[in-house]
């Protein structure tokens, strides 16, 4: 089910900065990928869709169940 909701940009940006500090040096994460992941974490999503291996790896390390999609 899809639910329309307003995101908290300040919280998501802060979370993305934290993710960047913890993962960019070792995984080469990109800013928009981290922002996508940060919103998923803020919304407490059950699943995370990604076609990017780096992004998916970070999502798994953050406790999300990743569903890989073809790009």
C-alpha atoms as a PDB file:
ATOM      1  CA  UNK A   1       0.000   0.000   0.000  1.00  0.00           C
ATOM      2  CA  UNK A   2       1.279   3.477  -0.826  1.00  0.00           C
ATOM      3  CA  UNK A   3       0.610   6.265   1.634  1.00  0.00           C
ATOM      4  CA  UNK A   4       1.188   9.906   0.774  1.00  0.00           C
ATOM      5  CA  UNK A   5       3.075  11.648   3.549  1.00  0.00           C
ATOM      6  CA  UNK A   6       5.145  14.733   4.212  1.00  0.00           C
ATOM      7  CA  UNK A   7       8.801  14.083   4.862  1.00  0.00           C
ATOM      8  CA  UNK A   8      10.847  15.901   7.472  1.00  0.00           C
ATOM      9  CA  UNK A   9      13.647  17.265   5.308  1.00  0.00           C
ATOM     10  CA  UNK A  10      15.710  18.522   8.254  1.00  0.00           C
ATOM     11  CA  UNK A  11      15.655  15.110   9.947  1.00  0.00           C
ATOM     12  CA  UNK A  12      16.349  13.264   6.695  1.00  0.00           C
ATOM     13  CA  UNK A  13      19.265  15.559   5.808  1.00  0.00           C
ATOM     14  CA  UNK A  14      20.747  15.120   9.280  1.00  0.00           C
ATOM     15  CA  UNK A  15      20.392  11.353   8.950  1.00  0.00           C
ATOM     16  CA  UNK A  16      21.946  11.428   5.465  1.00  0.00           C
ATOM     17  CA  UNK A  17      24.932  13.369   6.852  1.00  0.00           C
ATOM     18  CA  UNK A  18      25.346  10.727   9.556  1.00  0.00           C
ATOM     19  CA  UNK A  19      25.111   7.933   6.975  1.00  0.00           C
ATOM     20  CA  UNK A  20      27.711   9.743   4.885  1.00  0.00           C
ATOM     21  CA  UNK A  21      30.123  10.014   7.808  1.00  0.00           C
ATOM     22  CA  UNK A  22      29.767   6.301   8.518  1.00  0.00           C
ATOM     23  CA  UNK A  23      29.677   4.830   5.013  1.00  0.00           C
ATOM     24  CA  UNK A  24      31.063   7.078   2.275  1.00  0.00           C
ATOM     25  CA  UNK A  25      34.772   6.420   2.844  1.00  0.00           C
ATOM     26  CA  UNK A  26      34.357   2.645   2.791  1.00  0.00           C
ATOM     27  CA  UNK A  27      31.498   2.223   0.306  1.00  0.00           C
ATOM     28  CA  UNK A  28      31.676   5.274  -1.952  1.00  0.00           C
ATOM     29  CA  UNK A  29      28.084   6.288  -1.280  1.00  0.00           C
ATOM     30  CA  UNK A  30      26.579   9.198  -3.217  1.00  0.00           C
ATOM     31  CA  UNK A  31      24.567  12.025  -1.662  1.00  0.00           C
ATOM     32  CA  UNK A  32      21.192  11.364  -3.324  1.00  0.00           C
ATOM     33  CA  UNK A  33      21.474   7.641  -2.605  1.00  0.00           C
ATOM     34  CA  UNK A  34      22.036   8.458   1.063  1.00  0.00           C
ATOM     35  CA  UNK A  35      19.115  10.886   1.102  1.00  0.00           C
ATOM     36  CA  UNK A  36      16.864   8.198  -0.420  1.00  0.00           C
ATOM     37  CA  UNK A  37      18.011   5.802   2.286  1.00  0.00           C
ATOM     38  CA  UNK A  38      17.647   8.419   5.027  1.00  0.00           C
ATOM     39  CA  UNK A  39      13.994   9.007   4.126  1.00  0.00           C
ATOM     40  CA  UNK A  40      13.340   5.252   4.130  1.00  0.00           C
ATOM     41  CA  UNK A  41      14.803   5.051   7.631  1.00  0.00           C
ATOM     42  CA  UNK A  42      12.871   8.129   8.811  1.00  0.00           C
ATOM     43  CA  UNK A  43       9.615   6.615   7.512  1.00  0.00           C
ATOM     44  CA  UNK A  44      10.483   3.272   9.146  1.00  0.00           C
ATOM     45  CA  UNK A  45       9.930   1.438   5.860  1.00  0.00           C
ATOM     46  CA  UNK A  46       9.652  -2.338   5.899  1.00  0.00           C
ATOM     47  CA  UNK A  47      11.419  -2.748   2.542  1.00  0.00           C
ATOM     48  CA  UNK A  48      13.915  -0.761   0.534  1.00  0.00           C
ATOM     49  CA  UNK A  49      13.990  -0.923  -3.277  1.00  0.00           C
ATOM     50  CA  UNK A  50      17.300  -0.317  -5.007  1.00  0.00           C
ATOM     51  CA  UNK A  51      19.153  -1.170  -8.186  1.00  0.00           C
ATOM     52  CA  UNK A  52      22.445   0.141  -6.784  1.00  0.00           C
ATOM     53  CA  UNK A  53      24.740  -2.334  -5.021  1.00  0.00           C
ATOM     54  CA  UNK A  54      26.448   0.316  -2.883  1.00  0.00           C
ATOM     55  CA  UNK A  55      23.152   1.781  -1.731  1.00  0.00           C
ATOM     56  CA  UNK A  56      21.693  -1.675  -1.074  1.00  0.00           C
ATOM     57  CA  UNK A  57      24.733  -2.660   0.976  1.00  0.00           C
ATOM     58  CA  UNK A  58      24.367   0.392   3.193  1.00  0.00           C
ATOM     59  CA  UNK A  59      20.627  -0.242   3.553  1.00  0.00           C
ATOM     60  CA  UNK A  60      21.292  -3.807   4.715  1.00  0.00           C
ATOM     61  CA  UNK A  61      23.900  -2.595   7.199  1.00  0.00           C
ATOM     62  CA  UNK A  62      21.281  -0.158   8.539  1.00  0.00           C
ATOM     63  CA  UNK A  63      18.824  -3.009   9.122  1.00  0.00           C
ATOM     64  CA  UNK A  64      16.547  -2.655   6.098  1.00  0.00           C
ATOM     65  CA  UNK A  65      15.361  -5.564   3.989  1.00  0.00           C
ATOM     66  CA  UNK A  66      16.418  -4.782   0.430  1.00  0.00           C
ATOM     67  CA  UNK A  67      14.555  -5.773  -2.688  1.00  0.00           C
ATOM     68  CA  UNK A  68      16.858  -5.557  -5.686  1.00  0.00           C
ATOM     69  CA  UNK A  69      15.316  -4.152  -8.850  1.00  0.00           C
ATOM     70  CA  UNK A  70      16.736  -4.180 -12.363  1.00  0.00           C
ATOM     71  CA  UNK A  71      17.815  -0.800 -13.656  1.00  0.00           C
END
